[in-house]
Amino acid sequence: MRRSYYAAHVYMILGVLSGLYYRELTKANDFHGETQLAVVHTHLLALGMLGFLIVLALDKQFGLSGSRQFTWFHWCYNAGLSITVLAMLVRGTLTVLGRSVPEAFSGIAGLGHIVLTVGLILLFVRLGACLNAERTSQPQPQPQPGPEPEPGARTRP
């Protein structure tokens, strides 16, 4: 669980710093157009910090960590998010500086999204396994027989 907490904390710091970077870079270059730097802040806070806080709560409730699937989720998700955000950061910075953006950055960001998706699939597989294990380990309640009706009493259908 500590791993998720630390990841959320790091993404919170990076999200705040990326917002500061966006504001200062655009102000220093008197830039008023569209740039991907504007959404790096949001991606880091939503997919990074909030995502790992949710995973932390799910881990506390269902015991997700401690398995290979969870470890693979953790590394794939972090790698995918890092690749995606880095591509957005470089592309946005080049846009603000007025330089041309190589087409490869779209492919790199796409690759980051694919790795991020693999991480999410691993998380859902692990969560499903934990839910199935919890359901099968709990005994199913058996219906309790009610009191016998008195002889001659009418019962409702």
N, C-alpha and C. Protein backbone atom coordinates (compact mmCIF):
# COMPACT_ATOMS: atom_id res chain seq x y z
N MET A 1 0.83 -1.20 0.00
CA MET A 1 0.00 0.00 0.00
C MET A 1 0.87 1.26 0.00
N ARG A 2 2.02 1.17 0.61
CA ARG A 2 2.90 2.34 0.65
C ARG A 2 3.32 2.78 -0.74
N ARG A 3 3.49 1.80 -1.64
CA ARG A 3 3.88 2.12 -3.00
C ARG A 3 2.84 3.02 -3.67
N SER A 4 1.57 2.73 -3.48
CA SER A 4 0.51 3.55 -4.05
C SER A 4 0.47 4.94 -3.41
N TYR A 5 0.70 4.98 -2.11
CA TYR A 5 0.74 6.27 -1.41
C TYR A 5 1.87 7.13 -1.94
N TYR A 6 3.06 6.55 -2.06
CA TYR A 6 4.21 7.32 -2.56
C TYR A 6 4.00 7.77 -4.01
N ALA A 7 3.42 6.89 -4.82
CA ALA A 7 3.14 7.26 -6.22
C ALA A 7 2.16 8.43 -6.27
N ALA A 8 1.11 8.39 -5.47
CA ALA A 8 0.14 9.49 -5.44
C ALA A 8 0.81 10.78 -5.00
N HIS A 9 1.68 10.68 -4.02
CA HIS A 9 2.37 11.86 -3.50
C HIS A 9 3.30 12.47 -4.57
N VAL A 10 4.05 11.63 -5.25
CA VAL A 10 4.95 12.11 -6.31
C VAL A 10 4.15 12.75 -7.43
N TYR A 11 3.05 12.13 -7.84
CA TYR A 11 2.23 12.71 -8.92
C TYR A 11 1.60 14.04 -8.49
N MET A 12 1.26 14.17 -7.21
CA MET A 12 0.73 15.44 -6.72
C MET A 12 1.78 16.54 -6.87
N ILE A 13 3.00 16.25 -6.47
CA ILE A 13 4.08 17.23 -6.58
C ILE A 13 4.35 17.57 -8.05
N LEU A 14 4.45 16.55 -8.90
CA LEU A 14 4.69 16.79 -10.32
C LEU A 14 3.55 17.56 -10.97
N GLY A 15 2.32 17.27 -10.56
CA GLY A 15 1.17 17.98 -11.11
C GLY A 15 1.20 19.46 -10.78
N VAL A 16 1.52 19.78 -9.54
CA VAL A 16 1.60 21.18 -9.13
C VAL A 16 2.76 21.87 -9.85
N LEU A 17 3.91 21.20 -9.93
CA LEU A 17 5.07 21.80 -10.62
C LEU A 17 4.82 21.99 -12.11
N SER A 18 4.09 21.05 -12.73
CA SER A 18 3.81 21.20 -14.16
C SER A 18 2.88 22.38 -14.42
N GLY A 19 1.96 22.64 -13.51
CA GLY A 19 1.10 23.82 -13.64
C GLY A 19 1.90 25.11 -13.53
N LEU A 20 2.84 25.12 -12.61
CA LEU A 20 3.73 26.26 -12.45
C LEU A 20 4.60 26.45 -13.70
N TYR A 21 5.13 25.35 -14.23
CA TYR A 21 5.95 25.40 -15.44
C TYR A 21 5.16 25.96 -16.62
N TYR A 22 3.95 25.48 -16.79
CA TYR A 22 3.09 25.96 -17.88
C TYR A 22 2.85 27.47 -17.75
N ARG A 23 2.49 27.90 -16.56
CA ARG A 23 2.19 29.32 -16.35
C ARG A 23 3.42 30.20 -16.62
N GLU A 24 4.54 29.81 -16.07
CA GLU A 24 5.75 30.64 -16.20
C GLU A 24 6.32 30.61 -17.61
N LEU A 25 6.30 29.45 -18.26
CA LEU A 25 6.84 29.36 -19.62
C LEU A 25 6.01 30.17 -20.60
N THR A 26 4.69 30.07 -20.50
CA THR A 26 3.84 30.83 -21.42
C THR A 26 3.92 32.33 -21.14
N LYS A 27 4.06 32.69 -19.88
CA LYS A 27 4.19 34.11 -19.53
C LYS A 27 5.53 34.67 -20.02
N ALA A 28 6.60 33.91 -19.84
CA ALA A 28 7.94 34.37 -20.25
C ALA A 28 8.05 34.51 -21.76
N ASN A 29 7.30 33.70 -22.51
CA ASN A 29 7.36 33.75 -23.97
C ASN A 29 6.18 34.50 -24.58
N ASP A 30 5.37 35.13 -23.74
CA ASP A 30 4.18 35.87 -24.19
C ASP A 30 3.35 35.02 -25.17
N PHE A 31 3.09 33.80 -24.75
CA PHE A 31 2.36 32.83 -25.58
C PHE A 31 0.90 32.81 -25.17
N HIS A 32 -0.01 32.90 -26.16
CA HIS A 32 -1.45 32.92 -25.87
C HIS A 32 -2.23 31.88 -26.66
N GLY A 33 -1.57 30.95 -27.30
CA GLY A 33 -2.27 29.95 -28.12
C GLY A 33 -2.54 28.66 -27.37
N GLU A 34 -2.89 27.65 -28.16
CA GLU A 34 -3.17 26.32 -27.62
C GLU A 34 -1.86 25.54 -27.48
N THR A 35 -1.72 24.86 -26.38
CA THR A 35 -0.56 24.00 -26.15
C THR A 35 -0.94 22.85 -25.24
N GLN A 36 -0.26 21.73 -25.43
CA GLN A 36 -0.55 20.57 -24.59
C GLN A 36 -0.05 20.75 -23.17
N LEU A 37 0.76 21.76 -22.95
CA LEU A 37 1.20 22.03 -21.58
C LEU A 37 0.02 22.32 -20.66
N ALA A 38 -1.05 22.82 -21.23
CA ALA A 38 -2.22 23.19 -20.42
C ALA A 38 -2.86 21.98 -19.76
N VAL A 39 -2.71 20.79 -20.34
CA VAL A 39 -3.38 19.60 -19.79
C VAL A 39 -2.42 18.63 -19.10
N VAL A 40 -1.12 18.92 -19.10
CA VAL A 40 -0.18 18.06 -18.38
C VAL A 40 -0.50 18.08 -16.89
N HIS A 41 -0.77 19.25 -16.37
CA HIS A 41 -1.13 19.45 -14.96
C HIS A 41 -2.32 18.55 -14.59
N THR A 42 -3.35 18.57 -15.42
CA THR A 42 -4.57 17.79 -15.18
C THR A 42 -4.30 16.29 -15.26
N HIS A 43 -3.53 15.88 -16.26
CA HIS A 43 -3.21 14.46 -16.41
C HIS A 43 -2.47 13.93 -15.18
N LEU A 44 -1.50 14.68 -14.72
CA LEU A 44 -0.72 14.23 -13.56
C LEU A 44 -1.58 14.16 -12.29
N LEU A 45 -2.43 15.15 -12.10
CA LEU A 45 -3.26 15.14 -10.90
C LEU A 45 -4.38 14.11 -10.96
N ALA A 46 -5.04 13.99 -12.12
CA ALA A 46 -6.17 13.06 -12.22
C ALA A 46 -5.71 11.62 -12.37
N LEU A 47 -4.90 11.35 -13.39
CA LEU A 47 -4.48 9.97 -13.63
C LEU A 47 -3.41 9.52 -12.64
N GLY A 48 -2.60 10.44 -12.17
CA GLY A 48 -1.54 10.09 -11.24
C GLY A 48 -2.00 10.10 -9.80
N MET A 49 -2.19 11.29 -9.26
CA MET A 49 -2.52 11.40 -7.84
C MET A 49 -3.86 10.76 -7.50
N LEU A 50 -4.93 11.18 -8.15
CA LEU A 50 -6.25 10.63 -7.83
C LEU A 50 -6.35 9.15 -8.17
N GLY A 51 -5.74 8.76 -9.28
CA GLY A 51 -5.74 7.34 -9.66
C GLY A 51 -5.12 6.47 -8.58
N PHE A 52 -3.96 6.88 -8.08
CA PHE A 52 -3.31 6.07 -7.05
C PHE A 52 -3.97 6.19 -5.69
N LEU A 53 -4.64 7.28 -5.41
CA LEU A 53 -5.42 7.35 -4.16
C LEU A 53 -6.59 6.37 -4.21
N ILE A 54 -7.21 6.24 -5.38
CA ILE A 54 -8.30 5.27 -5.54
C ILE A 54 -7.76 3.85 -5.42
N VAL A 55 -6.60 3.60 -6.05
CA VAL A 55 -5.98 2.27 -5.94
C VAL A 55 -5.62 1.97 -4.48
N LEU A 56 -5.15 2.98 -3.77
CA LEU A 56 -4.82 2.81 -2.35
C LEU A 56 -6.06 2.38 -1.55
N ALA A 57 -7.18 3.03 -1.81
CA ALA A 57 -8.43 2.68 -1.10
C ALA A 57 -8.89 1.26 -1.48
N LEU A 58 -8.79 0.92 -2.75
CA LEU A 58 -9.16 -0.43 -3.18
C LEU A 58 -8.23 -1.48 -2.58
N ASP A 59 -6.96 -1.15 -2.49
CA ASP A 59 -5.99 -2.07 -1.90
C ASP A 59 -6.30 -2.29 -0.42
N LYS A 60 -6.66 -1.23 0.26
CA LYS A 60 -7.00 -1.34 1.69
C LYS A 60 -8.23 -2.22 1.88
N GLN A 61 -9.19 -2.09 0.99
CA GLN A 61 -10.44 -2.83 1.09
C GLN A 61 -10.30 -4.29 0.65
N PHE A 62 -9.57 -4.53 -0.45
CA PHE A 62 -9.56 -5.87 -1.05
C PHE A 62 -8.20 -6.56 -1.05
N GLY A 63 -7.16 -5.89 -0.58
CA GLY A 63 -5.84 -6.52 -0.53
C GLY A 63 -5.27 -6.80 -1.91
N LEU A 64 -5.23 -5.80 -2.76
CA LEU A 64 -4.75 -5.98 -4.13
C LEU A 64 -3.24 -6.23 -4.20
N SER A 65 -2.47 -5.55 -3.37
CA SER A 65 -1.02 -5.62 -3.48
C SER A 65 -0.50 -6.97 -2.98
N GLY A 66 0.76 -7.20 -3.26
CA GLY A 66 1.36 -8.45 -2.83
C GLY A 66 1.26 -9.55 -3.86
N SER A 67 0.88 -9.21 -5.07
CA SER A 67 0.80 -10.21 -6.13
C SER A 67 1.58 -9.71 -7.35
N ARG A 68 1.89 -10.64 -8.23
CA ARG A 68 2.60 -10.27 -9.47
C ARG A 68 1.75 -9.35 -10.34
N GLN A 69 0.46 -9.65 -10.41
CA GLN A 69 -0.43 -8.82 -11.23
C GLN A 69 -0.41 -7.38 -10.76
N PHE A 70 -0.44 -7.17 -9.46
CA PHE A 70 -0.43 -5.81 -8.94
C PHE A 70 0.90 -5.14 -9.23
N THR A 71 1.99 -5.86 -9.08
CA THR A 71 3.31 -5.30 -9.39
C THR A 71 3.40 -4.91 -10.86
N TRP A 72 2.92 -5.78 -11.73
CA TRP A 72 2.92 -5.45 -13.17
C TRP A 72 2.02 -4.25 -13.46
N PHE A 73 0.85 -4.20 -12.81
CA PHE A 73 -0.02 -3.04 -12.98
C PHE A 73 0.74 -1.77 -12.59
N HIS A 74 1.36 -1.81 -11.42
CA HIS A 74 2.05 -0.62 -10.90
C HIS A 74 3.10 -0.12 -11.90
N TRP A 75 3.93 -1.03 -12.39
CA TRP A 75 5.00 -0.60 -13.30
C TRP A 75 4.47 -0.19 -14.67
N CYS A 76 3.51 -0.92 -15.21
CA CYS A 76 2.93 -0.56 -16.52
C CYS A 76 2.21 0.78 -16.45
N TYR A 77 1.41 0.96 -15.43
CA TYR A 77 0.65 2.20 -15.29
C TYR A 77 1.59 3.40 -15.15
N ASN A 78 2.59 3.27 -14.28
CA ASN A 78 3.55 4.36 -14.11
C ASN A 78 4.35 4.64 -15.38
N ALA A 79 4.78 3.58 -16.06
CA ALA A 79 5.54 3.77 -17.30
C ALA A 79 4.66 4.42 -18.37
N GLY A 80 3.43 3.95 -18.51
CA GLY A 80 2.52 4.52 -19.52
C GLY A 80 2.21 5.97 -19.25
N LEU A 81 1.94 6.30 -17.99
CA LEU A 81 1.65 7.68 -17.64
C LEU A 81 2.88 8.56 -17.83
N SER A 82 4.04 8.05 -17.47
CA SER A 82 5.27 8.83 -17.63
C SER A 82 5.58 9.10 -19.10
N ILE A 83 5.45 8.09 -19.95
CA ILE A 83 5.71 8.27 -21.39
C ILE A 83 4.73 9.28 -21.97
N THR A 84 3.45 9.12 -21.63
CA THR A 84 2.42 10.02 -22.15
C THR A 84 2.67 11.47 -21.72
N VAL A 85 2.92 11.68 -20.45
CA VAL A 85 3.12 13.03 -19.92
C VAL A 85 4.41 13.64 -20.46
N LEU A 86 5.44 12.84 -20.58
CA LEU A 86 6.70 13.36 -21.12
C LEU A 86 6.54 13.80 -22.57
N ALA A 87 5.83 13.02 -23.36
CA ALA A 87 5.58 13.40 -24.75
C ALA A 87 4.75 14.69 -24.82
N MET A 88 3.76 14.81 -23.95
CA MET A 88 2.94 16.02 -23.92
C MET A 88 3.77 17.22 -23.48
N LEU A 89 4.65 17.02 -22.51
CA LEU A 89 5.49 18.09 -21.99
C LEU A 89 6.45 18.61 -23.06
N VAL A 90 7.10 17.70 -23.77
CA VAL A 90 8.03 18.11 -24.81
C VAL A 90 7.29 18.78 -25.96
N ARG A 91 6.19 18.17 -26.39
CA ARG A 91 5.40 18.75 -27.48
C ARG A 91 4.89 20.15 -27.11
N GLY A 92 4.37 20.30 -25.90
CA GLY A 92 3.86 21.60 -25.46
C GLY A 92 4.95 22.64 -25.35
N THR A 93 6.11 22.24 -24.83
CA THR A 93 7.22 23.17 -24.71
C THR A 93 7.69 23.63 -26.09
N LEU A 94 7.81 22.70 -27.02
CA LEU A 94 8.22 23.08 -28.39
C LEU A 94 7.20 24.02 -29.03
N THR A 95 5.93 23.79 -28.78
CA THR A 95 4.88 24.67 -29.32
C THR A 95 5.01 26.08 -28.76
N VAL A 96 5.20 26.20 -27.45
CA VAL A 96 5.33 27.51 -26.82
C VAL A 96 6.58 28.24 -27.33
N LEU A 97 7.65 27.49 -27.56
CA LEU A 97 8.90 28.10 -28.04
C LEU A 97 8.88 28.39 -29.54
N GLY A 98 7.81 28.00 -30.23
CA GLY A 98 7.66 28.29 -31.65
C GLY A 98 8.45 27.35 -32.55
N ARG A 99 8.81 26.22 -32.07
CA ARG A 99 9.57 25.25 -32.87
C ARG A 99 8.63 24.20 -33.42
N SER A 100 9.08 23.55 -34.48
CA SER A 100 8.25 22.50 -35.08
C SER A 100 8.29 21.25 -34.20
N VAL A 101 7.19 20.55 -34.19
CA VAL A 101 7.05 19.35 -33.37
C VAL A 101 7.14 18.14 -34.28
N PRO A 102 8.13 17.27 -34.06
CA PRO A 102 8.23 16.07 -34.89
C PRO A 102 6.97 15.19 -34.75
N GLU A 103 6.59 14.57 -35.84
CA GLU A 103 5.40 13.71 -35.85
C GLU A 103 5.56 12.51 -34.93
N ALA A 104 6.78 12.16 -34.60
CA ALA A 104 7.02 10.99 -33.74
C ALA A 104 6.38 11.15 -32.37
N PHE A 105 6.17 12.38 -31.94
CA PHE A 105 5.61 12.58 -30.60
C PHE A 105 4.18 12.07 -30.49
N SER A 106 3.44 12.08 -31.58
CA SER A 106 2.10 11.50 -31.54
C SER A 106 2.18 9.99 -31.32
N GLY A 107 3.12 9.35 -31.99
CA GLY A 107 3.32 7.91 -31.82
C GLY A 107 3.81 7.57 -30.42
N ILE A 108 4.69 8.39 -29.89
CA ILE A 108 5.20 8.15 -28.53
C ILE A 108 4.08 8.29 -27.51
N ALA A 109 3.27 9.32 -27.66
CA ALA A 109 2.13 9.50 -26.75
C ALA A 109 1.15 8.34 -26.90
N GLY A 110 0.94 7.86 -28.12
CA GLY A 110 0.07 6.71 -28.34
C GLY A 110 0.60 5.46 -27.66
N LEU A 111 1.91 5.26 -27.74
CA LEU A 111 2.54 4.14 -27.07
C LEU A 111 2.35 4.24 -25.56
N GLY A 112 2.50 5.44 -25.03
CA GLY A 112 2.25 5.65 -23.60
C GLY A 112 0.84 5.30 -23.21
N HIS A 113 -0.13 5.68 -24.05
CA HIS A 113 -1.53 5.34 -23.76
C HIS A 113 -1.76 3.83 -23.81
N ILE A 114 -1.09 3.15 -24.73
CA ILE A 114 -1.24 1.69 -24.81
C ILE A 114 -0.70 1.03 -23.54
N VAL A 115 0.48 1.44 -23.09
CA VAL A 115 1.07 0.86 -21.88
C VAL A 115 0.19 1.19 -20.67
N LEU A 116 -0.35 2.40 -20.63
CA LEU A 116 -1.27 2.81 -19.56
C LEU A 116 -2.51 1.91 -19.56
N THR A 117 -3.04 1.61 -20.72
CA THR A 117 -4.21 0.74 -20.84
C THR A 117 -3.90 -0.67 -20.38
N VAL A 118 -2.72 -1.18 -20.71
CA VAL A 118 -2.32 -2.51 -20.24
C VAL A 118 -2.30 -2.52 -18.71
N GLY A 119 -1.77 -1.45 -18.12
CA GLY A 119 -1.77 -1.35 -16.66
C GLY A 119 -3.18 -1.37 -16.08
N LEU A 120 -4.09 -0.64 -16.71
CA LEU A 120 -5.47 -0.62 -16.22
C LEU A 120 -6.13 -1.99 -16.35
N ILE A 121 -5.85 -2.69 -17.44
CA ILE A 121 -6.40 -4.04 -17.61
C ILE A 121 -5.90 -4.95 -16.50
N LEU A 122 -4.60 -4.86 -16.20
CA LEU A 122 -4.04 -5.67 -15.11
C LEU A 122 -4.69 -5.34 -13.76
N LEU A 123 -4.96 -4.06 -13.54
CA LEU A 123 -5.63 -3.67 -12.30
C LEU A 123 -7.02 -4.30 -12.21
N PHE A 124 -7.77 -4.26 -13.29
CA PHE A 124 -9.13 -4.81 -13.27
C PHE A 124 -9.11 -6.33 -13.15
N VAL A 125 -8.13 -6.98 -13.77
CA VAL A 125 -8.01 -8.43 -13.62
C VAL A 125 -7.73 -8.78 -12.16
N ARG A 126 -6.81 -8.05 -11.54
CA ARG A 126 -6.48 -8.29 -10.13
C ARG A 126 -7.67 -8.01 -9.21
N LEU A 127 -8.36 -6.91 -9.47
CA LEU A 127 -9.54 -6.57 -8.67
C LEU A 127 -10.61 -7.64 -8.81
N GLY A 128 -10.84 -8.11 -10.02
CA GLY A 128 -11.81 -9.18 -10.24
C GLY A 128 -11.44 -10.46 -9.52
N ALA A 129 -10.15 -10.80 -9.53
CA ALA A 129 -9.69 -12.00 -8.83
C ALA A 129 -9.91 -11.86 -7.32
N CYS A 130 -9.65 -10.67 -6.79
CA CYS A 130 -9.87 -10.45 -5.36
C CYS A 130 -11.36 -10.53 -5.01
N LEU A 131 -12.20 -9.99 -5.86
CA LEU A 131 -13.65 -10.05 -5.60
C LEU A 131 -14.16 -11.49 -5.67
N ASN A 132 -13.66 -12.27 -6.64
CA ASN A 132 -14.07 -13.67 -6.76
C ASN A 132 -13.59 -14.48 -5.56
N ALA A 133 -12.36 -14.22 -5.12
CA ALA A 133 -11.83 -14.95 -3.97
C ALA A 133 -12.61 -14.61 -2.71
N GLU A 134 -13.01 -13.36 -2.57
CA GLU A 134 -13.79 -12.95 -1.41
C GLU A 134 -15.16 -13.60 -1.42
N ARG A 135 -15.76 -13.68 -2.60
CA ARG A 135 -17.10 -14.26 -2.71
C ARG A 135 -17.10 -15.75 -2.42
N THR A 136 -16.09 -16.46 -2.91
CA THR A 136 -16.06 -17.91 -2.70
C THR A 136 -15.60 -18.29 -1.31
N SER A 137 -14.88 -17.40 -0.63
CA SER A 137 -14.40 -17.73 0.72
C SER A 137 -15.46 -17.50 1.79
N GLN A 138 -16.47 -16.71 1.48
CA GLN A 138 -17.52 -16.45 2.46
C GLN A 138 -18.61 -17.50 2.30
N PRO A 139 -19.02 -18.12 3.39
CA PRO A 139 -20.10 -19.11 3.27
C PRO A 139 -21.41 -18.42 2.88
N GLN A 140 -22.13 -19.08 2.02
CA GLN A 140 -23.41 -18.54 1.57
C GLN A 140 -24.45 -18.76 2.67
N PRO A 141 -25.24 -17.74 2.97
CA PRO A 141 -26.26 -17.92 4.03
C PRO A 141 -27.30 -18.95 3.60
N GLN A 142 -27.61 -19.86 4.52
CA GLN A 142 -28.62 -20.87 4.25
C GLN A 142 -29.95 -20.38 4.79
N PRO A 143 -31.03 -20.62 4.06
CA PRO A 143 -32.34 -20.18 4.57
C PRO A 143 -32.69 -20.95 5.85
N GLN A 144 -33.16 -20.22 6.81
CA GLN A 144 -33.54 -20.81 8.09
C GLN A 144 -35.01 -21.21 8.02
N PRO A 145 -35.30 -22.42 8.49
CA PRO A 145 -36.72 -22.82 8.47
C PRO A 145 -37.52 -21.99 9.47
N GLY A 146 -38.70 -21.59 9.06
CA GLY A 146 -39.56 -20.82 9.93
C GLY A 146 -40.34 -21.73 10.88
N PRO A 147 -41.09 -21.15 11.78
CA PRO A 147 -41.88 -21.98 12.71
C PRO A 147 -42.97 -22.73 11.94
N GLU A 148 -43.26 -23.91 12.41
CA GLU A 148 -44.31 -24.72 11.79
C GLU A 148 -45.67 -24.09 12.08
N PRO A 149 -46.54 -24.03 11.08
CA PRO A 149 -47.89 -23.48 11.34
C PRO A 149 -48.68 -24.44 12.24
N GLU A 150 -49.54 -23.85 13.02
CA GLU A 150 -50.39 -24.66 13.90
C GLU A 150 -51.35 -25.47 13.04
N PRO A 151 -51.71 -26.65 13.54
CA PRO A 151 -52.66 -27.45 12.76
C PRO A 151 -53.99 -26.70 12.58
N GLY A 152 -54.48 -26.70 11.38
CA GLY A 152 -55.77 -26.07 11.08
C GLY A 152 -55.63 -24.60 10.76
N ALA A 153 -54.41 -24.01 10.86
CA ALA A 153 -54.26 -22.58 10.55
C ALA A 153 -54.14 -22.41 9.05
N ARG A 154 -54.73 -21.35 8.58
CA ARG A 154 -54.67 -21.05 7.15
C ARG A 154 -53.39 -20.37 6.80
N THR A 155 -52.76 -20.78 5.73
CA THR A 155 -51.52 -20.14 5.27
C THR A 155 -51.82 -19.38 4.01
N ARG A 156 -51.12 -18.32 3.81
CA ARG A 156 -51.30 -17.51 2.60
C ARG A 156 -50.47 -18.10 1.47
N PRO A 157 -51.01 -18.06 0.27
CA PRO A 157 -50.25 -18.58 -0.87
C PRO A 157 -49.12 -17.68 -1.27
